[in-house]
């Protein structure tokens, strides 16, 4: 699997309009906890169905996009943070050590 860089609010609008599943991973490049959460997520991401789009947001470089995500999906901003989006709605929001590729995969599998 590969990340798609998330760098604009227009991309967030496109995710909001997308049918199916997307994951947004918000990462702080200045935070060791965020780096550990990212590594852990990537270690387990093969469990996520391959049709799921994975978006990576460097929130230090794109704080405006991070704020827009919080507003658009009605979630509190955190870092690190993973959002599972289904048909334009956030159905799972996790942060820090609660971020789990396996939990995201299980949530997707429940509705297949």
C-alpha atoms as a PDB file:
ATOM      1  CA  UNK A   1       0.000   0.000   0.000  1.00  0.00           C
ATOM      2  CA  UNK A   2       1.074   3.574  -0.531  1.00  0.00           C
ATOM      3  CA  UNK A   3       0.252   6.932   0.950  1.00  0.00           C
ATOM      4  CA  UNK A   4      -1.246   9.672  -1.155  1.00  0.00           C
ATOM      5  CA  UNK A   5      -0.073  13.055   0.125  1.00  0.00           C
ATOM      6  CA  UNK A   6      -2.887  15.269   1.340  1.00  0.00           C
ATOM      7  CA  UNK A   7      -1.904  18.875   0.741  1.00  0.00           C
ATOM      8  CA  UNK A   8      -5.055  20.855  -0.056  1.00  0.00           C
ATOM      9  CA  UNK A   9      -8.564  21.520   1.162  1.00  0.00           C
ATOM     10  CA  UNK A  10      -9.765  20.635  -2.338  1.00  0.00           C
ATOM     11  CA  UNK A  11      -8.552  17.059  -1.753  1.00  0.00           C
ATOM     12  CA  UNK A  12     -10.528  16.980   1.512  1.00  0.00           C
ATOM     13  CA  UNK A  13     -13.628  18.044  -0.416  1.00  0.00           C
ATOM     14  CA  UNK A  14     -12.983  15.222  -2.893  1.00  0.00           C
ATOM     15  CA  UNK A  15     -12.655  12.699  -0.040  1.00  0.00           C
ATOM     16  CA  UNK A  16     -15.968  14.004   1.354  1.00  0.00           C
ATOM     17  CA  UNK A  17     -17.595  13.235  -2.028  1.00  0.00           C
ATOM     18  CA  UNK A  18     -15.979   9.786  -2.440  1.00  0.00           C
ATOM     19  CA  UNK A  19     -17.997   6.600  -2.138  1.00  0.00           C
ATOM     20  CA  UNK A  20     -16.225   3.814  -0.296  1.00  0.00           C
ATOM     21  CA  UNK A  21     -13.476   3.998   2.297  1.00  0.00           C
ATOM     22  CA  UNK A  22     -10.614   6.408   2.831  1.00  0.00           C
ATOM     23  CA  UNK A  23      -8.157   6.758   5.704  1.00  0.00           C
ATOM     24  CA  UNK A  24      -6.602  10.078   6.645  1.00  0.00           C
ATOM     25  CA  UNK A  25      -3.476   9.879   8.799  1.00  0.00           C
ATOM     26  CA  UNK A  26      -2.481  13.203  10.357  1.00  0.00           C
ATOM     27  CA  UNK A  27       1.182  13.259  11.332  1.00  0.00           C
ATOM     28  CA  UNK A  28       3.406  15.742  13.108  1.00  0.00           C
ATOM     29  CA  UNK A  29       6.948  15.529  11.793  1.00  0.00           C
ATOM     30  CA  UNK A  30       8.161  17.119  15.041  1.00  0.00           C
ATOM     31  CA  UNK A  31       6.678  14.533  17.402  1.00  0.00           C
ATOM     32  CA  UNK A  32       8.245  11.203  18.358  1.00  0.00           C
ATOM     33  CA  UNK A  33       4.855   9.809  19.467  1.00  0.00           C
ATOM     34  CA  UNK A  34       3.470  10.607  16.030  1.00  0.00           C
ATOM     35  CA  UNK A  35       6.436   8.865  14.389  1.00  0.00           C
ATOM     36  CA  UNK A  36       5.876   5.752  16.505  1.00  0.00           C
ATOM     37  CA  UNK A  37       2.145   5.725  15.689  1.00  0.00           C
ATOM     38  CA  UNK A  38       2.919   6.061  11.975  1.00  0.00           C
ATOM     39  CA  UNK A  39       5.423   3.186  12.050  1.00  0.00           C
ATOM     40  CA  UNK A  40       2.999   0.982  13.960  1.00  0.00           C
ATOM     41  CA  UNK A  41       0.192   1.809  11.524  1.00  0.00           C
ATOM     42  CA  UNK A  42       2.374   1.084   8.495  1.00  0.00           C
ATOM     43  CA  UNK A  43       3.498  -2.199  10.045  1.00  0.00           C
ATOM     44  CA  UNK A  44      -0.111  -3.405  10.101  1.00  0.00           C
ATOM     45  CA  UNK A  45      -1.621  -1.663   7.100  1.00  0.00           C
ATOM     46  CA  UNK A  46      -1.570  -4.769   4.902  1.00  0.00           C
ATOM     47  CA  UNK A  47      -4.666  -5.841   6.871  1.00  0.00           C
ATOM     48  CA  UNK A  48      -6.602  -2.913   5.360  1.00  0.00           C
ATOM     49  CA  UNK A  49      -8.431  -3.857   2.134  1.00  0.00           C
ATOM     50  CA  UNK A  50      -6.431  -2.739  -0.896  1.00  0.00           C
ATOM     51  CA  UNK A  51      -9.310  -0.675  -2.347  1.00  0.00           C
ATOM     52  CA  UNK A  52      -9.062   1.703   0.631  1.00  0.00           C
ATOM     53  CA  UNK A  53      -7.446   5.036  -0.175  1.00  0.00           C
ATOM     54  CA  UNK A  54      -4.747   6.086   2.295  1.00  0.00           C
ATOM     55  CA  UNK A  55      -4.026   9.794   2.697  1.00  0.00           C
ATOM     56  CA  UNK A  56      -1.067  11.209   4.603  1.00  0.00           C
ATOM     57  CA  UNK A  57      -1.149  14.731   6.012  1.00  0.00           C
ATOM     58  CA  UNK A  58       1.992  16.444   7.251  1.00  0.00           C
ATOM     59  CA  UNK A  59       0.146  18.772   9.568  1.00  0.00           C
ATOM     60  CA  UNK A  60       3.205  20.933  10.262  1.00  0.00           C
ATOM     61  CA  UNK A  61       3.382  21.849   6.577  1.00  0.00           C
ATOM     62  CA  UNK A  62      -0.393  21.953   6.078  1.00  0.00           C
ATOM     63  CA  UNK A  63      -2.009  23.066   9.330  1.00  0.00           C
ATOM     64  CA  UNK A  64      -4.785  24.768   7.352  1.00  0.00           C
ATOM     65  CA  UNK A  65      -5.718  21.404   5.823  1.00  0.00           C
ATOM     66  CA  UNK A  66      -5.689  19.785   9.273  1.00  0.00           C
ATOM     67  CA  UNK A  67      -8.053  22.446  10.586  1.00  0.00           C
ATOM     68  CA  UNK A  68     -10.293  21.978   7.551  1.00  0.00           C
ATOM     69  CA  UNK A  69     -10.415  18.214   8.166  1.00  0.00           C
ATOM     70  CA  UNK A  70     -11.533  18.803  11.753  1.00  0.00           C
ATOM     71  CA  UNK A  71     -14.241  21.187  10.571  1.00  0.00           C
ATOM     72  CA  UNK A  72     -15.388  19.041   7.633  1.00  0.00           C
ATOM     73  CA  UNK A  73     -15.589  15.733   9.496  1.00  0.00           C
ATOM     74  CA  UNK A  74     -16.657  17.182  12.876  1.00  0.00           C
ATOM     75  CA  UNK A  75     -13.706  15.820  14.840  1.00  0.00           C
ATOM     76  CA  UNK A  76     -11.427  17.375  17.414  1.00  0.00           C
ATOM     77  CA  UNK A  77      -7.928  18.058  16.045  1.00  0.00           C
ATOM     78  CA  UNK A  78      -5.298  15.695  17.444  1.00  0.00           C
ATOM     79  CA  UNK A  79      -1.851  14.556  16.410  1.00  0.00           C
ATOM     80  CA  UNK A  80      -1.224  11.872  15.500  1.00  0.00           C
ATOM     81  CA  UNK A  81      -4.716  11.050  14.354  1.00  0.00           C
ATOM     82  CA  UNK A  82      -6.334   8.539  12.009  1.00  0.00           C
ATOM     83  CA  UNK A  83      -9.774   9.006  10.522  1.00  0.00           C
ATOM     84  CA  UNK A  84     -11.731   6.325   8.701  1.00  0.00           C
ATOM     85  CA  UNK A  85     -14.085   7.914   6.197  1.00  0.00           C
ATOM     86  CA  UNK A  86     -16.967   5.941   4.678  1.00  0.00           C
ATOM     87  CA  UNK A  87     -19.023   7.551   1.918  1.00  0.00           C
ATOM     88  CA  UNK A  88     -17.945  11.022   3.042  1.00  0.00           C
ATOM     89  CA  UNK A  89     -18.585  10.561   6.776  1.00  0.00           C
ATOM     90  CA  UNK A  90     -16.052   9.942   9.527  1.00  0.00           C
ATOM     91  CA  UNK A  91     -16.978   6.642  11.183  1.00  0.00           C
ATOM     92  CA  UNK A  92     -13.824   6.121  13.251  1.00  0.00           C
ATOM     93  CA  UNK A  93     -11.496   8.660  14.831  1.00  0.00           C
ATOM     94  CA  UNK A  94      -8.466   7.529  16.818  1.00  0.00           C
ATOM     95  CA  UNK A  95      -5.326   9.185  18.097  1.00  0.00           C
ATOM     96  CA  UNK A  96      -1.963   8.436  19.643  1.00  0.00           C
ATOM     97  CA  UNK A  97      -1.599   4.814  20.815  1.00  0.00           C
ATOM     98  CA  UNK A  98      -5.229   4.053  19.906  1.00  0.00           C
ATOM     99  CA  UNK A  99      -4.404   4.233  16.179  1.00  0.00           C
ATOM    100  CA  UNK A 100      -4.625   0.712  14.774  1.00  0.00           C
ATOM    101  CA  UNK A 101      -4.587  -0.497  11.187  1.00  0.00           C
ATOM    102  CA  UNK A 102      -6.187  -3.712  12.411  1.00  0.00           C
ATOM    103  CA  UNK A 103      -9.093  -1.811  14.006  1.00  0.00           C
ATOM    104  CA  UNK A 104      -9.619   0.142  10.803  1.00  0.00           C
ATOM    105  CA  UNK A 105      -9.548  -3.096   8.784  1.00  0.00           C
ATOM    106  CA  UNK A 106     -12.063  -4.710  11.146  1.00  0.00           C
ATOM    107  CA  UNK A 107     -14.395  -1.720  10.817  1.00  0.00           C
ATOM    108  CA  UNK A 108     -14.253  -1.968   7.027  1.00  0.00           C
ATOM    109  CA  UNK A 109     -14.786  -5.749   7.079  1.00  0.00           C
ATOM    110  CA  UNK A 110     -17.929  -5.348   9.229  1.00  0.00           C
ATOM    111  CA  UNK A 111     -19.763  -3.709   6.364  1.00  0.00           C
ATOM    112  CA  UNK A 112     -18.539  -5.832   3.462  1.00  0.00           C
END
